[in-house]
């Protein structure tokens, strides 16, 4: 009877709060990583658009130089 009481006390006071903390931490980490991934993918999209604009501008400049000659 005493051992079951000790086990029950341990479960309620130590294990369940620990499990609660771990669950919270994992969810927090998951959403943080999701936000980071979204932000980085947005940055990659912006960088690729700027790179595309730059290459288009360079092509236009080269065409302009060819036409001026």
PDB file of N, CA and C in Angstrom:
ATOM      1  N   UNK A   1       0.826  -1.195   0.000  1.00  0.00           N
ATOM      2  CA  UNK A   1       0.000   0.000   0.000  1.00  0.00           C
ATOM      3  C   UNK A   1       0.874   1.265   0.000  1.00  0.00           C
ATOM      4  N   UNK A   2       1.920   1.240   0.789  1.00  0.00           N
ATOM      5  CA  UNK A   2       2.803   2.406   0.877  1.00  0.00           C
ATOM      6  C   UNK A   2       3.529   2.615  -0.450  1.00  0.00           C
ATOM      7  N   UNK A   3       3.972   1.523  -1.070  1.00  0.00           N
ATOM      8  CA  UNK A   3       4.694   1.669  -2.340  1.00  0.00           C
ATOM      9  C   UNK A   3       3.788   2.221  -3.431  1.00  0.00           C
ATOM     10  N   UNK A   4       2.544   1.791  -3.467  1.00  0.00           N
ATOM     11  CA  UNK A   4       1.635   2.334  -4.481  1.00  0.00           C
ATOM     12  C   UNK A   4       1.380   3.817  -4.236  1.00  0.00           C
ATOM     13  N   UNK A   5       1.334   4.203  -2.978  1.00  0.00           N
ATOM     14  CA  UNK A   5       1.162   5.614  -2.647  1.00  0.00           C
ATOM     15  C   UNK A   5       2.381   6.422  -3.099  1.00  0.00           C
ATOM     16  N   UNK A   6       3.562   5.874  -2.904  1.00  0.00           N
ATOM     17  CA  UNK A   6       4.792   6.553  -3.335  1.00  0.00           C
ATOM     18  C   UNK A   6       4.821   6.669  -4.856  1.00  0.00           C
ATOM     19  N   UNK A   7       4.468   5.600  -5.525  1.00  0.00           N
ATOM     20  CA  UNK A   7       4.453   5.609  -6.995  1.00  0.00           C
ATOM     21  C   UNK A   7       3.430   6.621  -7.507  1.00  0.00           C
ATOM     22  N   UNK A   8       2.267   6.617  -6.899  1.00  0.00           N
ATOM     23  CA  UNK A   8       1.227   7.564  -7.300  1.00  0.00           C
ATOM     24  C   UNK A   8       1.678   9.006  -7.056  1.00  0.00           C
ATOM     25  N   UNK A   9       2.300   9.245  -5.921  1.00  0.00           N
ATOM     26  CA  UNK A   9       2.795  10.580  -5.603  1.00  0.00           C
ATOM     27  C   UNK A   9       3.872  11.012  -6.602  1.00  0.00           C
ATOM     28  N   UNK A  10       4.780  10.104  -6.899  1.00  0.00           N
ATOM     29  CA  UNK A  10       5.828  10.410  -7.876  1.00  0.00           C
ATOM     30  C   UNK A  10       5.221  10.742  -9.234  1.00  0.00           C
ATOM     31  N   UNK A  11       4.250   9.937  -9.647  1.00  0.00           N
ATOM     32  CA  UNK A  11       3.617  10.144 -10.950  1.00  0.00           C
ATOM     33  C   UNK A  11       2.928  11.502 -11.014  1.00  0.00           C
ATOM     34  N   UNK A  12       2.184  11.822  -9.994  1.00  0.00           N
ATOM     35  CA  UNK A  12       1.405  13.061 -10.008  1.00  0.00           C
ATOM     36  C   UNK A  12       2.298  14.292  -9.868  1.00  0.00           C
ATOM     37  N   UNK A  13       3.293  14.225  -8.983  1.00  0.00           N
ATOM     38  CA  UNK A  13       4.080  15.424  -8.690  1.00  0.00           C
ATOM     39  C   UNK A  13       5.316  15.619  -9.553  1.00  0.00           C
ATOM     40  N   UNK A  14       5.825  14.559 -10.141  1.00  0.00           N
ATOM     41  CA  UNK A  14       7.063  14.698 -10.911  1.00  0.00           C
ATOM     42  C   UNK A  14       6.909  14.327 -12.379  1.00  0.00           C
ATOM     43  N   UNK A  15       6.342  13.179 -12.622  1.00  0.00           N
ATOM     44  CA  UNK A  15       6.309  12.691 -14.000  1.00  0.00           C
ATOM     45  C   UNK A  15       5.339  13.480 -14.881  1.00  0.00           C
ATOM     46  N   UNK A  16       4.139  13.728 -14.399  1.00  0.00           N
ATOM     47  CA  UNK A  16       3.154  14.450 -15.217  1.00  0.00           C
ATOM     48  C   UNK A  16       3.575  15.895 -15.518  1.00  0.00           C
ATOM     49  N   UNK A  17       4.084  16.647 -14.556  1.00  0.00           N
ATOM     50  CA  UNK A  17       4.587  17.987 -14.920  1.00  0.00           C
ATOM     51  C   UNK A  17       5.746  17.932 -15.913  1.00  0.00           C
ATOM     52  N   UNK A  18       6.618  16.943 -15.738  1.00  0.00           N
ATOM     53  CA  UNK A  18       7.724  16.789 -16.681  1.00  0.00           C
ATOM     54  C   UNK A  18       7.187  16.490 -18.077  1.00  0.00           C
ATOM     55  N   UNK A  19       6.220  15.595 -18.159  1.00  0.00           N
ATOM     56  CA  UNK A  19       5.609  15.250 -19.445  1.00  0.00           C
ATOM     57  C   UNK A  19       4.918  16.473 -20.054  1.00  0.00           C
ATOM     58  N   UNK A  20       4.265  17.230 -19.221  1.00  0.00           N
ATOM     59  CA  UNK A  20       3.597  18.448 -19.672  1.00  0.00           C
ATOM     60  C   UNK A  20       4.618  19.436 -20.246  1.00  0.00           C
ATOM     61  N   UNK A  21       5.722  19.610 -19.548  1.00  0.00           N
ATOM     62  CA  UNK A  21       6.775  20.514 -20.012  1.00  0.00           C
ATOM     63  C   UNK A  21       7.361  20.039 -21.340  1.00  0.00           C
ATOM     64  N   UNK A  22       7.637  18.756 -21.442  1.00  0.00           N
ATOM     65  CA  UNK A  22       8.212  18.205 -22.672  1.00  0.00           C
ATOM     66  C   UNK A  22       7.250  18.405 -23.836  1.00  0.00           C
ATOM     67  N   UNK A  23       5.979  18.143 -23.616  1.00  0.00           N
ATOM     68  CA  UNK A  23       4.981  18.324 -24.671  1.00  0.00           C
ATOM     69  C   UNK A  23       4.917  19.784 -25.110  1.00  0.00           C
ATOM     70  N   UNK A  24       4.864  20.683 -24.142  1.00  0.00           N
ATOM     71  CA  UNK A  24       4.838  22.113 -24.457  1.00  0.00           C
ATOM     72  C   UNK A  24       6.085  22.517 -25.241  1.00  0.00           C
ATOM     73  N   UNK A  25       7.237  22.052 -24.787  1.00  0.00           N
ATOM     74  CA  UNK A  25       8.498  22.400 -25.438  1.00  0.00           C
ATOM     75  C   UNK A  25       8.524  21.889 -26.876  1.00  0.00           C
ATOM     76  N   UNK A  26       8.057  20.673 -27.098  1.00  0.00           N
ATOM     77  CA  UNK A  26       8.048  20.117 -28.456  1.00  0.00           C
ATOM     78  C   UNK A  26       7.115  20.903 -29.372  1.00  0.00           C
ATOM     79  N   UNK A  27       5.942  21.251 -28.880  1.00  0.00           N
ATOM     80  CA  UNK A  27       5.027  22.051 -29.697  1.00  0.00           C
ATOM     81  C   UNK A  27       5.620  23.427 -29.985  1.00  0.00           C
ATOM     82  N   UNK A  28       6.213  24.042 -28.974  1.00  0.00           N
ATOM     83  CA  UNK A  28       6.843  25.346 -29.161  1.00  0.00           C
ATOM     84  C   UNK A  28       7.942  25.255 -30.213  1.00  0.00           C
ATOM     85  N   UNK A  29       8.766  24.228 -30.101  1.00  0.00           N
ATOM     86  CA  UNK A  29       9.857  24.036 -31.048  1.00  0.00           C
ATOM     87  C   UNK A  29       9.316  23.815 -32.452  1.00  0.00           C
ATOM     88  N   UNK A  30       8.262  23.020 -32.565  1.00  0.00           N
ATOM     89  CA  UNK A  30       7.669  22.747 -33.872  1.00  0.00           C
ATOM     90  C   UNK A  30       7.173  24.033 -34.525  1.00  0.00           C
ATOM     91  N   UNK A  31       6.411  24.836 -33.783  1.00  0.00           N
ATOM     92  CA  UNK A  31       5.870  26.059 -34.367  1.00  0.00           C
ATOM     93  C   UNK A  31       6.973  27.070 -34.653  1.00  0.00           C
ATOM     94  N   UNK A  32       7.994  27.105 -33.812  1.00  0.00           N
ATOM     95  CA  UNK A  32       9.112  28.013 -34.052  1.00  0.00           C
ATOM     96  C   UNK A  32       9.839  27.616 -35.332  1.00  0.00           C
ATOM     97  N   UNK A  33      10.065  26.316 -35.502  1.00  0.00           N
ATOM     98  CA  UNK A  33      10.740  25.851 -36.710  1.00  0.00           C
ATOM     99  C   UNK A  33       9.879  26.136 -37.941  1.00  0.00           C
ATOM    100  N   UNK A  34       8.571  25.979 -37.790  1.00  0.00           N
ATOM    101  CA  UNK A  34       7.671  26.255 -38.908  1.00  0.00           C
ATOM    102  C   UNK A  34       7.749  27.735 -39.295  1.00  0.00           C
ATOM    103  N   UNK A  35       7.764  28.615 -38.283  1.00  0.00           N
ATOM    104  CA  UNK A  35       7.899  30.050 -38.557  1.00  0.00           C
ATOM    105  C   UNK A  35       9.228  30.353 -39.222  1.00  0.00           C
ATOM    106  N   UNK A  36      10.293  29.734 -38.705  1.00  0.00           N
ATOM    107  CA  UNK A  36      11.609  29.969 -39.296  1.00  0.00           C
ATOM    108  C   UNK A  36      11.644  29.498 -40.735  1.00  0.00           C
ATOM    109  N   UNK A  37      11.052  28.336 -40.987  1.00  0.00           N
ATOM    110  CA  UNK A  37      11.037  27.815 -42.352  1.00  0.00           C
ATOM    111  C   UNK A  37      10.248  28.743 -43.269  1.00  0.00           C
ATOM    112  N   UNK A  38       9.109  29.238 -42.772  1.00  0.00           N
ATOM    113  CA  UNK A  38       8.286  30.143 -43.577  1.00  0.00           C
ATOM    114  C   UNK A  38       9.049  31.433 -43.877  1.00  0.00           C
ATOM    115  N   UNK A  39       9.732  31.962 -42.854  1.00  0.00           N
ATOM    116  CA  UNK A  39      10.485  33.207 -43.043  1.00  0.00           C
ATOM    117  C   UNK A  39      11.618  32.986 -44.031  1.00  0.00           C
ATOM    118  N   UNK A  40      12.353  31.879 -43.880  1.00  0.00           N
ATOM    119  CA  UNK A  40      13.472  31.636 -44.789  1.00  0.00           C
ATOM    120  C   UNK A  40      12.983  31.375 -46.202  1.00  0.00           C
ATOM    121  N   UNK A  41      11.854  30.672 -46.346  1.00  0.00           N
ATOM    122  CA  UNK A  41      11.343  30.433 -47.696  1.00  0.00           C
ATOM    123  C   UNK A  41      10.879  31.743 -48.322  1.00  0.00           C
ATOM    124  N   UNK A  42      10.323  32.645 -47.490  1.00  0.00           N
ATOM    125  CA  UNK A  42       9.913  33.954 -47.991  1.00  0.00           C
ATOM    126  C   UNK A  42      11.143  34.753 -48.426  1.00  0.00           C
ATOM    127  N   UNK A  43      12.222  34.683 -47.613  1.00  0.00           N
ATOM    128  CA  UNK A  43      13.456  35.387 -47.973  1.00  0.00           C
ATOM    129  C   UNK A  43      14.038  34.806 -49.252  1.00  0.00           C
ATOM    130  N   UNK A  44      14.024  33.480 -49.364  1.00  0.00           N
ATOM    131  CA  UNK A  44      14.552  32.851 -50.574  1.00  0.00           C
ATOM    132  C   UNK A  44      13.766  33.311 -51.792  1.00  0.00           C
ATOM    133  N   UNK A  45      12.443  33.421 -51.628  1.00  0.00           N
ATOM    134  CA  UNK A  45      11.609  33.864 -52.741  1.00  0.00           C
ATOM    135  C   UNK A  45      11.975  35.296 -53.131  1.00  0.00           C
ATOM    136  N   UNK A  46      12.142  36.153 -52.121  1.00  0.00           N
ATOM    137  CA  UNK A  46      12.513  37.545 -52.402  1.00  0.00           C
ATOM    138  C   UNK A  46      13.877  37.623 -53.065  1.00  0.00           C
ATOM    139  N   UNK A  47      14.825  36.837 -52.578  1.00  0.00           N
ATOM    140  CA  UNK A  47      16.167  36.850 -53.154  1.00  0.00           C
ATOM    141  C   UNK A  47      16.124  36.349 -54.584  1.00  0.00           C
ATOM    142  N   UNK A  48      15.362  35.281 -54.840  1.00  0.00           N
ATOM    143  CA  UNK A  48      15.290  34.751 -56.204  1.00  0.00           C
ATOM    144  C   UNK A  48      14.613  35.755 -57.135  1.00  0.00           C
ATOM    145  N   UNK A  49      13.603  36.495 -56.631  1.00  0.00           N
ATOM    146  CA  UNK A  49      12.963  37.520 -57.462  1.00  0.00           C
ATOM    147  C   UNK A  49      13.946  38.642 -57.780  1.00  0.00           C
ATOM    148  N   UNK A  50      14.744  39.063 -56.783  1.00  0.00           N
ATOM    149  CA  UNK A  50      15.737  40.117 -57.031  1.00  0.00           C
ATOM    150  C   UNK A  50      16.790  39.633 -58.005  1.00  0.00           C
ATOM    151  N   UNK A  51      17.206  38.377 -57.870  1.00  0.00           N
ATOM    152  CA  UNK A  51      18.191  37.811 -58.787  1.00  0.00           C
ATOM    153  C   UNK A  51      17.625  37.783 -60.199  1.00  0.00           C
ATOM    154  N   UNK A  52      16.352  37.421 -60.313  1.00  0.00           N
ATOM    155  CA  UNK A  52      15.692  37.393 -61.617  1.00  0.00           C
ATOM    156  C   UNK A  52      15.640  38.802 -62.206  1.00  0.00           C
ATOM    157  N   UNK A  53      15.265  39.798 -61.370  1.00  0.00           N
ATOM    158  CA  UNK A  53      15.231  41.186 -61.845  1.00  0.00           C
ATOM    159  C   UNK A  53      16.614  41.642 -62.297  1.00  0.00           C
ATOM    160  N   UNK A  54      17.629  41.287 -61.523  1.00  0.00           N
ATOM    161  CA  UNK A  54      18.995  41.696 -61.852  1.00  0.00           C
ATOM    162  C   UNK A  54      19.426  41.097 -63.178  1.00  0.00           C
ATOM    163  N   UNK A  55      19.155  39.814 -63.375  1.00  0.00           N
ATOM    164  CA  UNK A  55      19.554  39.181 -64.644  1.00  0.00           C
ATOM    165  C   UNK A  55      18.767  39.777 -65.803  1.00  0.00           C
ATOM    166  N   UNK A  56      17.485  40.085 -65.590  1.00  0.00           N
ATOM    167  CA  UNK A  56      16.694  40.714 -66.656  1.00  0.00           C
ATOM    168  C   UNK A  56      17.240  42.105 -66.975  1.00  0.00           C
ATOM    169  N   UNK A  57      17.609  42.862 -65.936  1.00  0.00           N
ATOM    170  CA  UNK A  57      18.187  44.193 -66.155  1.00  0.00           C
ATOM    171  C   UNK A  57      19.509  44.098 -66.894  1.00  0.00           C
ATOM    172  N   UNK A  58      20.328  43.112 -66.538  1.00  0.00           N
ATOM    173  CA  UNK A  58      21.606  42.933 -67.231  1.00  0.00           C
ATOM    174  C   UNK A  58      21.377  42.585 -68.695  1.00  0.00           C
ATOM    175  N   UNK A  59      20.395  41.730 -68.956  1.00  0.00           N
ATOM    176  CA  UNK A  59      20.081  41.370 -70.346  1.00  0.00           C
ATOM    177  C   UNK A  59      19.602  42.599 -71.118  1.00  0.00           C
ATOM    178  N   UNK A  60      18.744  43.407 -70.474  1.00  0.00           N
ATOM    179  CA  UNK A  60      18.262  44.629 -71.123  1.00  0.00           C
ATOM    180  C   UNK A  60      19.417  45.593 -71.390  1.00  0.00           C
ATOM    181  N   UNK A  61      20.332  45.698 -70.434  1.00  0.00           N
ATOM    182  CA  UNK A  61      21.497  46.575 -70.617  1.00  0.00           C
ATOM    183  C   UNK A  61      22.363  46.092 -71.768  1.00  0.00           C
ATOM    184  N   UNK A  62      22.552  44.783 -71.864  1.00  0.00           N
ATOM    185  CA  UNK A  62      23.352  44.240 -72.958  1.00  0.00           C
ATOM    186  C   UNK A  62      22.664  44.491 -74.297  1.00  0.00           C
ATOM    187  N   UNK A  63      21.348  44.340 -74.336  1.00  0.00           N
ATOM    188  CA  UNK A  63      20.602  44.616 -75.572  1.00  0.00           C
ATOM    189  C   UNK A  63      20.718  46.093 -75.934  1.00  0.00           C
ATOM    190  N   UNK A  64      20.636  46.949 -74.904  1.00  0.00           N
ATOM    191  CA  UNK A  64      20.764  48.385 -75.132  1.00  0.00           C
ATOM    192  C   UNK A  64      22.133  48.742 -75.673  1.00  0.00           C
ATOM    193  N   UNK A  65      23.173  48.121 -75.160  1.00  0.00           N
ATOM    194  CA  UNK A  65      24.531  48.381 -75.645  1.00  0.00           C
ATOM    195  C   UNK A  65      24.671  47.912 -77.087  1.00  0.00           C
ATOM    196  N   UNK A  66      24.073  46.767 -77.398  1.00  0.00           N
ATOM    197  CA  UNK A  66      24.155  46.251 -78.763  1.00  0.00           C
ATOM    198  C   UNK A  66      23.421  47.175 -79.729  1.00  0.00           C
ATOM    199  N   UNK A  67      22.296  47.725 -79.295  1.00  0.00           N
ATOM    200  CA  UNK A  67      21.530  48.617 -80.165  1.00  0.00           C
ATOM    201  C   UNK A  67      22.248  49.949 -80.367  1.00  0.00           C
ATOM    202  N   UNK A  68      22.964  50.432 -79.347  1.00  0.00           N
ATOM    203  CA  UNK A  68      23.692  51.701 -79.460  1.00  0.00           C
ATOM    204  C   UNK A  68      24.888  51.597 -80.393  1.00  0.00           C
ATOM    205  N   UNK A  69      25.424  50.412 -80.558  1.00  0.00           N
ATOM    206  CA  UNK A  69      26.598  50.228 -81.428  1.00  0.00           C
ATOM    207  C   UNK A  69      26.143  50.227 -82.834  1.00  0.00           C
TER     208      UNK A  69
END
